[in-house]
Each structure stands twice: as structure tokens, then as C-alpha cells.
């Protein structure tokens, strides 16, 4: 199995031909770090290629070796169609298969993945979606509901909310914004899976650490750090429980939602002047810098932060909130394709976090052991590496 996450396309022969013939969509897979799973046997692929392989779109694609991860996957895809609940295991994926439009819509609604009939003209609007919203400080008329309105209809299995400062100020306001984001992004009412809502925030800030040191002076650094880390854990659990309660209140039992909160513990250290301060950085902490919302198929970034509105609905700060689908840029212009960054960010969460310095809470209950933290995160389908699955054969 590969040790990285890639965007996966599960395609019929007809769908692969359509993509390769499309001036826009062929750039999704040409020279791309994607995985392609073809719903065909070796015999069916050979028949599609014909005698002059390079004269066919698929043959020319294979000969050019544009994609290093190309699999015959008819057995695997047949198994998924026989047990549709398995679609939930492939959230960062696009399915265009030889199924009816009705069945494709049912799969989108029930299992939170992008699925289309290969009889439908390729439009893939969720992947091409983009939207920019300007919020003027103190102004009303904007809200998470209006900003995320279109995204509620897009399939999703996981929602990632990343904002270091989320729970470091007005916690009630943070809870309201999180609840509004969760409410706005809930999937189709028919969704049958368990939605994962993954939230990163700093449990404490520098002022909190200074106050702690002031109240616990006199001991050695090692002893003080042990007490400090326990106190951070308690603070994190309280805040993770508040996040959990806000999200569950927002969905009101209409969906199965599991909240997974994480934070970094930055221990105390001595500065050059002898003061004891909280570390400003630990390995992996830089990966949590940007304020963003990430799902299977799009990213929302906020200049100022995700606590965007006060209780009266006024914008907290002047900022631009930008939403980008995986392929909203770069297919027909010189921009980088957002899917590249999306893939890297997911891989960072799955493999590059410093689990020895992390706390994780599942529905408000803290998991302390670093091995358990890593194991739990890598069980989330969106953080699962791509690879060779049972019922597939790799085409070299």
C-alpha cells in the first residue's frame, strides 16, 4: 500500500474515454498524481484498445505512462456495487460507472461520494465550484448558512475544521460559529453513514501558560511540566466537550456524527533570560497554521478566522472567505490545480502530525496514547492511503 493519499477515479471504459476526449477534464488525469480504477477485465480492456493501441485514447494514455497508478478493478467495483455501504470507504474519490442516473444519485445521497452514470454528460459541478464572499466588519447579511449554502448539496463523509484560535477567546461565540458551520454543511437528508467532524484548535495560549507558571512557581521544570501537561489535557477535554455538544445540538439527532478534536501540547521550556514559557513551536505544529474548512471535495479558507460572526449576525472582522472545489482552477488555465494542495493537506493530517505531542478527543473523551491517536486518525476513510485493493490488478 502506498504511504500517501491520492484522489481516486473509479471509471467505466466509456467514462475514461469521455474524460480523455474532453479538453477540460483530461487534465484531471494527465501527468497527475491520481489513482485510476477501471471497471473492466483484461479482456474488455484489450477489446477497447483494439489492434493499434496508440490510435485509441485509452491506449495512447497507457503508453504515455501519464498515470503511475492504473488498475483493472472490475471485481472490486462489482463488490462495491453489491454492497453499496462500501462506497463510504472511498470519500476522496469520483465514481463514473455503467449504472443508471437514479442509482448514481442514490449513491451520492446515501454514501456521501461523487457518483455519476457514464450515460450523463460530464459536468462535475462540485469539483469545479468556487465562490468568494467578502465580509465587512460590523455588517449584517452574511452568515455561514449563506456562504456554505451550495455546499450542503455536495457529497461529503468528513468535515475538517482547522483554526488554532477557535477556542482561545469568546468560547460561546466559537461554539455558535461551529454549530452554524456544521448545520450548513450537513449532507443529504438521506445520508446513511456516520459523518466525521474533525476539529483542530489550540487548547491554551501563551497568556494561559504564563498564568499557570505564575501560580505553580518554585518547582523544577520537569515536575512543573508534568502538572502543566495534565492541566492542558483537562482544558482540552472541557473545550472538546463543548465543541461536541455544539455540533450535536446543531444536527439535532438527524445525522450520525462523530466529533474528533485534536490539539498540540507545547510543553514549558526555559527562555534565555531564565523565564519559563510555553514552547512556541513543536514538530508538526506548523501544519495547523491556516484557518480552513476541508471536506472530501472542497476547501474553505478564511483570512481572519472561522469565528466570523457574532451572536447578532454581524461580521467580526473584515475578511474574504474563499471556497474552492478540487478542480475549479488549473484545468483550462495556468493556475495550480487545488486538488494538489488538498491531497498534501490530507496526507499531512494522516502521516506528518507529531502524535507524541498531540491529544485527541472522540466525542469529548480524551485518547492520550500517541499510538492510539495515530491509529484512530488513520481509521478515518478520508485519511486512508491509496493503494492496491483486493479485486484489482495493476497495469504497469
Protein backbone atom coordinates (compact mmCIF):
# COMPACT_ATOMS: atom_id res chain seq x y z
CA UNK A 1 0.00 0.00 0.00
CA UNK A 2 1.27 3.48 -0.83
CA UNK A 3 2.11 5.79 2.06
CA UNK A 4 0.28 8.76 0.57
CA UNK A 5 -3.24 9.80 -0.21
CA UNK A 6 -4.28 10.28 -3.81
CA UNK A 7 -7.51 11.33 -5.46
CA UNK A 8 -9.08 8.17 -6.89
CA UNK A 9 -11.24 7.81 -10.00
CA UNK A 10 -13.40 4.71 -10.44
CA UNK A 11 -14.36 4.68 -14.12
CA UNK A 12 -16.06 2.59 -16.75
CA UNK A 13 -14.31 2.33 -20.11
CA UNK A 14 -16.88 4.74 -21.52
CA UNK A 15 -16.19 7.25 -18.73
CA UNK A 16 -12.40 7.06 -19.16
CA UNK A 17 -12.81 7.65 -22.89
CA UNK A 18 -15.06 10.66 -22.20
CA UNK A 19 -12.51 12.20 -19.85
CA UNK A 20 -9.64 11.67 -22.28
CA UNK A 21 -11.67 13.19 -25.12
CA UNK A 22 -12.63 16.24 -23.04
CA UNK A 23 -10.40 19.28 -23.45
CA UNK A 24 -11.08 20.23 -19.83
CA UNK A 25 -11.39 17.04 -17.90
CA UNK A 26 -8.47 15.17 -19.45
CA UNK A 27 -6.18 17.41 -17.40
CA UNK A 28 -7.63 15.78 -14.29
CA UNK A 29 -5.61 12.66 -15.05
CA UNK A 30 -2.82 13.65 -17.46
CA UNK A 31 0.50 13.77 -15.60
CA UNK A 32 -1.43 13.76 -12.35
CA UNK A 33 -0.78 12.03 -9.07
CA UNK A 34 -4.13 10.24 -9.10
CA UNK A 35 -5.24 6.62 -8.88
CA UNK A 36 -7.47 5.21 -11.62
CA UNK A 37 -9.55 2.08 -11.07
CA UNK A 38 -11.07 0.84 -14.33
CA UNK A 39 -14.25 -1.19 -14.25
CA UNK A 40 -13.03 -3.69 -16.85
CA UNK A 41 -11.41 -7.09 -17.15
CA UNK A 42 -8.17 -7.61 -19.06
CA UNK A 43 -10.18 -8.95 -21.99
CA UNK A 44 -12.54 -5.96 -22.01
CA UNK A 45 -9.63 -3.53 -21.88
CA UNK A 46 -7.88 -5.37 -24.72
CA UNK A 47 -11.05 -5.18 -26.84
CA UNK A 48 -11.34 -1.45 -26.12
CA UNK A 49 -7.73 -0.85 -27.18
CA UNK A 50 -8.04 -2.69 -30.50
CA UNK A 51 -5.14 -3.77 -32.68
CA UNK A 52 -3.47 -0.36 -32.91
CA UNK A 53 -3.18 0.59 -29.25
CA UNK A 54 -1.81 4.11 -29.70
CA UNK A 55 -4.66 5.06 -32.02
CA UNK A 56 -7.16 4.84 -29.18
CA UNK A 57 -7.46 7.45 -26.45
CA UNK A 58 -7.02 4.90 -23.69
CA UNK A 59 -4.13 3.18 -25.46
CA UNK A 60 -2.28 6.45 -26.01
CA UNK A 61 -2.87 7.31 -22.34
CA UNK A 62 -1.44 3.99 -21.17
CA UNK A 63 1.56 4.06 -23.49
CA UNK A 64 2.45 7.60 -22.38
CA UNK A 65 2.51 6.39 -18.75
CA UNK A 66 0.81 9.59 -17.63
CA UNK A 67 -0.63 7.79 -14.61
CA UNK A 68 1.55 5.52 -12.48
CA UNK A 69 -1.44 4.09 -10.57
CA UNK A 70 -3.75 2.40 -13.06
CA UNK A 71 -5.68 -0.69 -12.01
CA UNK A 72 -8.12 -3.12 -13.54
CA UNK A 73 -10.75 -3.20 -10.84
CA UNK A 74 -13.87 -4.87 -12.21
CA UNK A 75 -14.01 -7.39 -9.37
CA UNK A 76 -13.53 -4.71 -6.73
CA UNK A 77 -16.15 -2.38 -8.23
CA UNK A 78 -18.63 -5.26 -8.60
CA UNK A 79 -18.17 -5.96 -4.89
CA UNK A 80 -18.82 -2.30 -4.02
CA UNK A 81 -21.97 -2.21 -6.14
CA UNK A 82 -23.19 -5.42 -4.48
CA UNK A 83 -22.60 -3.84 -1.06
CA UNK A 84 -23.08 -0.09 -1.59
CA UNK A 85 -22.22 0.76 2.03
CA UNK A 86 -18.61 0.20 0.95
CA UNK A 87 -18.76 3.48 -1.01
CA UNK A 88 -18.20 5.26 2.32
CA UNK A 89 -14.67 3.84 2.40
CA UNK A 90 -13.64 5.90 -0.64
CA UNK A 91 -14.55 9.52 0.17
CA UNK A 92 -11.74 11.29 -1.75
CA UNK A 93 -12.95 9.70 -4.99
CA UNK A 94 -15.00 10.14 -8.13
CA UNK A 95 -17.16 7.31 -9.49
CA UNK A 96 -18.41 7.40 -13.09
CA UNK A 97 -19.80 3.95 -13.77
CA UNK A 98 -22.15 2.00 -16.03
CA UNK A 99 -25.13 2.50 -13.76
CA UNK A 100 -28.38 4.43 -14.08
CA UNK A 101 -28.74 8.09 -13.21
CA UNK A 102 -31.19 7.13 -10.46
CA UNK A 103 -28.72 4.71 -8.88
CA UNK A 104 -25.90 7.25 -9.13
CA UNK A 105 -27.94 9.91 -7.32
CA UNK A 106 -28.93 7.40 -4.67
CA UNK A 107 -25.26 6.58 -4.05
CA UNK A 108 -24.39 10.30 -3.79
CA UNK A 109 -27.18 10.92 -1.31
CA UNK A 110 -26.76 7.82 0.83
CA UNK A 111 -22.98 7.43 0.97
CA UNK A 112 -21.51 10.91 0.51
CA UNK A 113 -19.35 10.27 -2.55
CA UNK A 114 -19.41 11.81 -6.02
CA UNK A 115 -21.02 9.21 -8.26
CA UNK A 116 -22.44 9.61 -11.77
CA UNK A 117 -23.78 7.48 -14.56
CA UNK A 118 -21.46 7.19 -17.56
CA UNK A 119 -24.52 7.95 -19.69
CA UNK A 120 -24.53 11.51 -18.29
CA UNK A 121 -22.54 14.29 -19.90
CA UNK A 122 -19.54 15.14 -17.75
CA UNK A 123 -20.21 18.29 -15.78
CA UNK A 124 -18.87 17.50 -12.30
CA UNK A 125 -20.08 20.83 -10.92
CA UNK A 126 -18.99 20.15 -7.30
CA UNK A 127 -15.39 19.71 -8.46
CA UNK A 128 -15.49 22.94 -10.49
CA UNK A 129 -17.30 25.05 -7.87
CA UNK A 130 -15.72 28.21 -6.48
CA UNK A 131 -17.07 31.17 -4.57
CA UNK A 132 -15.64 34.28 -2.93
CA UNK A 133 -17.52 36.10 -0.16
CA UNK A 134 -16.42 39.45 1.25
CA UNK A 135 -17.43 40.22 4.84
CA UNK A 136 -17.22 43.83 6.01
CA UNK A 137 -16.66 44.29 9.72
CA UNK A 138 -19.89 45.01 11.58
CA UNK A 139 -22.06 44.40 8.53
CA UNK A 140 -25.04 42.04 8.55
CA UNK A 141 -26.40 39.95 5.71
CA UNK A 142 -23.67 37.33 5.61
CA UNK A 143 -23.73 34.09 7.56
CA UNK A 144 -22.23 30.61 7.40
CA UNK A 145 -25.60 29.43 6.08
CA UNK A 146 -25.40 31.81 3.10
CA UNK A 147 -21.68 31.28 2.47
CA UNK A 148 -21.95 27.49 2.53
CA UNK A 149 -25.43 27.22 1.02
CA UNK A 150 -24.40 25.49 -2.22
CA UNK A 151 -22.03 23.13 -0.44
CA UNK A 152 -24.78 21.47 1.57
CA UNK A 153 -25.83 19.56 -1.55
CA UNK A 154 -22.30 18.33 -2.30
CA UNK A 155 -21.48 14.82 -1.06
CA UNK A 156 -19.17 14.51 1.95
CA UNK A 157 -18.08 11.98 4.55
CA UNK A 158 -15.70 14.10 6.61
CA UNK A 159 -15.58 17.78 7.62
CA UNK A 160 -12.26 19.17 8.87
CA UNK A 161 -12.27 22.46 10.78
CA UNK A 162 -8.80 23.88 11.46
CA UNK A 163 -8.37 27.09 13.45
CA UNK A 164 -5.78 27.41 16.21
CA UNK A 165 -7.59 30.34 17.78
CA UNK A 166 -11.06 28.83 17.70
CA UNK A 167 -11.36 28.25 21.48
CA UNK A 168 -8.96 30.89 22.79
CA UNK A 169 -11.37 33.81 23.05
CA UNK A 170 -15.13 34.05 23.27
CA UNK A 171 -15.99 30.38 23.58
CA UNK A 172 -19.75 30.83 23.29
CA UNK A 173 -19.26 32.69 20.04
CA UNK A 174 -16.91 29.96 18.80
CA UNK A 175 -19.48 27.31 19.66
CA UNK A 176 -22.15 29.22 17.74
CA UNK A 177 -19.94 29.51 14.65
CA UNK A 178 -19.04 25.81 14.80
CA UNK A 179 -22.70 24.90 15.17
CA UNK A 180 -23.60 27.11 12.18
CA UNK A 181 -20.85 25.55 10.05
CA UNK A 182 -21.95 22.04 10.99
CA UNK A 183 -25.61 22.82 10.31
CA UNK A 184 -24.82 24.40 6.93
CA UNK A 185 -22.65 21.51 5.75
CA UNK A 186 -24.78 18.56 6.76
CA UNK A 187 -25.21 16.21 3.79
CA UNK A 188 -28.36 14.97 2.11
CA UNK A 189 -31.18 14.04 4.47
CA UNK A 190 -30.92 10.50 3.08
CA UNK A 191 -27.26 10.17 4.13
CA UNK A 192 -26.79 6.74 5.69
CA UNK A 193 -23.24 6.88 7.08
CA UNK A 194 -21.55 8.34 10.12
CA UNK A 195 -20.22 11.78 9.33
CA UNK A 196 -16.80 12.53 10.85
CA UNK A 197 -16.26 16.11 12.05
CA UNK A 198 -12.57 16.66 12.76
CA UNK A 199 -11.69 19.88 14.61
CA UNK A 200 -8.20 21.20 15.41
CA UNK A 201 -7.76 24.05 17.92
CA UNK A 202 -5.15 25.14 20.46
CA UNK A 203 -6.34 24.22 23.94
CA UNK A 204 -4.40 27.03 25.65
CA UNK A 205 -2.48 30.15 24.67
CA UNK A 206 0.65 31.92 25.92
CA UNK A 207 -1.28 34.01 28.48
CA UNK A 208 -2.86 30.89 29.97
CA UNK A 209 0.60 29.27 30.21
CA UNK A 210 2.09 32.35 31.88
CA UNK A 211 -0.73 32.40 34.42
CA UNK A 212 -0.12 28.72 35.09
CA UNK A 213 3.61 29.28 35.65
CA UNK A 214 2.86 32.21 37.94
CA UNK A 215 0.63 30.00 40.06
CA UNK A 216 2.95 26.98 40.10
CA UNK A 217 6.38 28.55 40.63
CA UNK A 218 9.07 27.12 42.87
CA UNK A 219 9.33 23.58 41.44
CA UNK A 220 11.72 22.12 38.92
CA UNK A 221 10.95 22.38 35.22
CA UNK A 222 10.37 18.64 34.81
CA UNK A 223 7.91 18.48 37.68
CA UNK A 224 6.16 21.66 36.57
CA UNK A 225 5.83 20.30 33.03
CA UNK A 226 4.11 17.13 34.27
CA UNK A 227 1.48 19.21 36.08
CA UNK A 228 1.25 21.62 33.15
CA UNK A 229 0.53 18.85 30.63
CA UNK A 230 -2.19 17.43 32.88
CA UNK A 231 -3.76 20.87 33.15
CA UNK A 232 -3.65 21.32 29.36
CA UNK A 233 -5.36 17.95 28.96
CA UNK A 234 -8.14 18.99 31.34
CA UNK A 235 -8.59 22.27 29.46
CA UNK A 236 -8.65 20.45 26.14
CA UNK A 237 -11.24 17.94 27.32
CA UNK A 238 -13.56 20.72 28.53
CA UNK A 239 -13.30 22.52 25.21
CA UNK A 240 -13.61 19.34 23.13
CA UNK A 241 -16.80 18.53 25.02
CA UNK A 242 -18.17 22.00 24.25
CA UNK A 243 -17.39 21.50 20.56
CA UNK A 244 -19.04 18.11 20.61
CA UNK A 245 -22.16 19.49 22.30
CA UNK A 246 -22.39 22.42 19.87
CA UNK A 247 -22.19 20.13 16.83
CA UNK A 248 -24.67 17.57 18.19
CA UNK A 249 -27.07 20.36 19.11
CA UNK A 250 -26.82 21.71 15.56
CA UNK A 251 -27.62 18.39 13.87
CA UNK A 252 -30.36 17.63 16.44
CA UNK A 253 -30.08 13.87 16.05
CA UNK A 254 -30.85 13.97 12.33
CA UNK A 255 -27.42 12.56 11.43
CA UNK A 256 -24.91 10.19 12.95
CA UNK A 257 -21.95 12.49 13.67
CA UNK A 258 -18.71 11.64 15.42
CA UNK A 259 -16.59 14.57 16.58
CA UNK A 260 -12.83 14.15 16.69
CA UNK A 261 -10.94 17.05 18.28
CA UNK A 262 -7.15 17.37 18.37
CA UNK A 263 -4.65 19.76 19.89
CA UNK A 264 -0.89 20.04 20.28
CA UNK A 265 0.65 20.10 23.74
CA UNK A 266 3.52 22.57 23.67
CA UNK A 267 5.47 21.98 26.89
CA UNK A 268 7.13 24.54 29.11
CA UNK A 269 10.76 25.49 28.46
CA UNK A 270 13.26 27.98 29.79
CA UNK A 271 13.97 31.07 27.73
CA UNK A 272 17.45 32.61 27.54
CA UNK A 273 16.58 35.10 30.24
CA UNK A 274 15.56 32.28 32.55
CA UNK A 275 11.79 32.76 32.28
CA UNK A 276 9.67 29.63 31.95
CA UNK A 277 7.42 29.89 28.90
CA UNK A 278 5.29 27.61 26.75
CA UNK A 279 7.12 26.42 23.63
CA UNK A 280 6.14 28.48 20.63
CA UNK A 281 6.66 25.52 18.33
CA UNK A 282 6.87 21.74 18.33
CA UNK A 283 7.47 19.50 15.34
CA UNK A 284 4.30 19.26 13.23
CA UNK A 285 2.66 22.35 14.75
CA UNK A 286 3.29 24.36 11.58
CA UNK A 287 0.84 22.09 9.74
CA UNK A 288 -2.03 23.61 11.75
CA UNK A 289 -1.39 27.23 10.78
CA UNK A 290 -4.10 28.12 8.27
CA UNK A 291 -7.77 28.72 9.11
CA UNK A 292 -9.82 26.47 6.88
CA UNK A 293 -12.68 24.03 6.42
CA UNK A 294 -11.86 20.96 4.35
CA UNK A 295 -14.14 18.20 3.12
CA UNK A 296 -13.77 15.39 0.63
CA UNK A 297 -14.14 17.67 -2.39
CA UNK A 298 -13.61 21.32 -1.43
CA UNK A 299 -11.79 23.73 0.87
CA UNK A 300 -13.00 26.94 2.52
CA UNK A 301 -10.33 29.40 3.66
CA UNK A 302 -10.85 32.47 5.81
CA UNK A 303 -8.33 35.34 6.03
CA UNK A 304 -9.17 36.27 9.61
CA UNK A 305 -10.64 33.14 11.13
CA UNK A 306 -13.63 30.85 11.41
CA UNK A 307 -15.21 32.82 14.25
CA UNK A 308 -16.59 35.01 11.52
CA UNK A 309 -19.85 36.28 13.05
CA UNK A 310 -21.10 37.44 16.43
CA UNK A 311 -24.38 36.39 18.01
CA UNK A 312 -26.22 39.24 16.29
CA UNK A 313 -25.02 38.04 12.89
CA UNK A 314 -22.53 40.87 12.38
CA UNK A 315 -19.20 40.12 10.72
CA UNK A 316 -16.44 40.05 13.34
CA UNK A 317 -13.67 41.30 11.08
CA UNK A 318 -13.16 42.40 7.52
CA UNK A 319 -12.18 39.29 5.60
CA UNK A 320 -12.60 37.32 2.42
CA UNK A 321 -13.88 33.75 2.64
CA UNK A 322 -12.97 31.65 -0.41
CA UNK A 323 -14.37 28.26 -1.41
CA UNK A 324 -12.56 26.09 -3.97
CA UNK A 325 -13.53 22.73 -5.42
CA UNK A 326 -10.75 20.28 -6.27
CA UNK A 327 -10.63 21.26 -9.95
CA UNK A 328 -12.06 24.79 -10.01
CA UNK A 329 -8.74 26.09 -11.38
CA UNK A 330 -5.91 24.73 -13.47
CA UNK A 331 -7.84 22.65 -15.98
CA UNK A 332 -8.10 25.43 -18.55
CA UNK A 333 -5.58 27.97 -17.23
CA UNK A 334 -2.07 28.13 -15.84
CA UNK A 335 -3.11 28.01 -12.18
CA UNK A 336 -2.11 25.11 -9.98
CA UNK A 337 -4.95 22.64 -9.53
CA UNK A 338 -6.39 22.87 -5.99
CA UNK A 339 -6.52 19.07 -5.79
CA UNK A 340 -2.72 19.07 -5.37
CA UNK A 341 -2.85 21.10 -2.17
CA UNK A 342 -5.90 19.21 -0.95
CA UNK A 343 -4.07 15.90 -1.31
CA UNK A 344 -0.99 17.22 0.51
CA UNK A 345 -3.09 18.61 3.38
CA UNK A 346 -4.89 15.30 3.86
CA UNK A 347 -1.58 13.44 3.79
CA UNK A 348 -0.18 15.84 6.39
CA UNK A 349 -3.07 15.12 8.77
CA UNK A 350 -2.72 11.39 8.22
CA UNK A 351 1.05 10.94 8.31
CA UNK A 352 3.00 14.05 9.26
CA UNK A 353 1.47 15.17 12.52
CA UNK A 354 3.60 14.77 15.65
CA UNK A 355 1.47 12.23 17.51
CA UNK A 356 3.80 12.22 20.53
CA UNK A 357 2.74 15.82 21.21
CA UNK A 358 -0.95 15.50 20.36
CA UNK A 359 -4.10 14.95 22.35
CA UNK A 360 -7.22 13.60 20.66
CA UNK A 361 -10.78 13.52 21.96
CA UNK A 362 -13.54 11.37 20.46
CA UNK A 363 -16.95 12.84 21.28
CA UNK A 364 -15.33 14.68 24.20
CA UNK A 365 -13.39 11.71 25.64
CA UNK A 366 -9.61 12.14 25.50
CA UNK A 367 -7.35 9.50 23.95
CA UNK A 368 -3.87 10.11 25.38
CA UNK A 369 -1.65 7.37 23.97
CA UNK A 370 0.18 8.64 20.86
CA UNK A 371 -0.06 5.25 19.11
CA UNK A 372 -3.80 5.23 19.67
CA UNK A 373 -4.07 8.79 18.38
CA UNK A 374 -2.32 7.89 15.14
CA UNK A 375 -4.25 4.65 14.77
CA UNK A 376 -7.57 6.40 15.27
CA UNK A 377 -6.83 9.15 12.76
CA UNK A 378 -5.73 6.66 10.12
CA UNK A 379 -9.01 4.78 10.52
CA UNK A 380 -10.87 7.82 9.19
CA UNK A 381 -11.54 6.98 5.50
CA UNK A 382 -10.51 10.46 4.30
CA UNK A 383 -7.05 9.90 5.85
CA UNK A 384 -6.62 6.40 4.39
CA UNK A 385 -3.70 5.98 1.95
CA UNK A 386 -4.38 4.86 -1.61
CA UNK A 387 -3.08 1.51 -2.66
CA UNK A 388 -3.74 -1.84 -4.26
CA UNK A 389 -7.01 -3.29 -3.05
CA UNK A 390 -8.38 -6.80 -3.24
CA UNK A 391 -10.00 -7.44 -6.61
CA UNK A 392 -7.62 -5.17 -8.56
CA UNK A 393 -4.69 -5.76 -10.91
CA UNK A 394 -2.15 -3.02 -11.53
CA UNK A 395 -1.27 -2.10 -15.10
CA UNK A 396 2.45 -1.31 -15.23
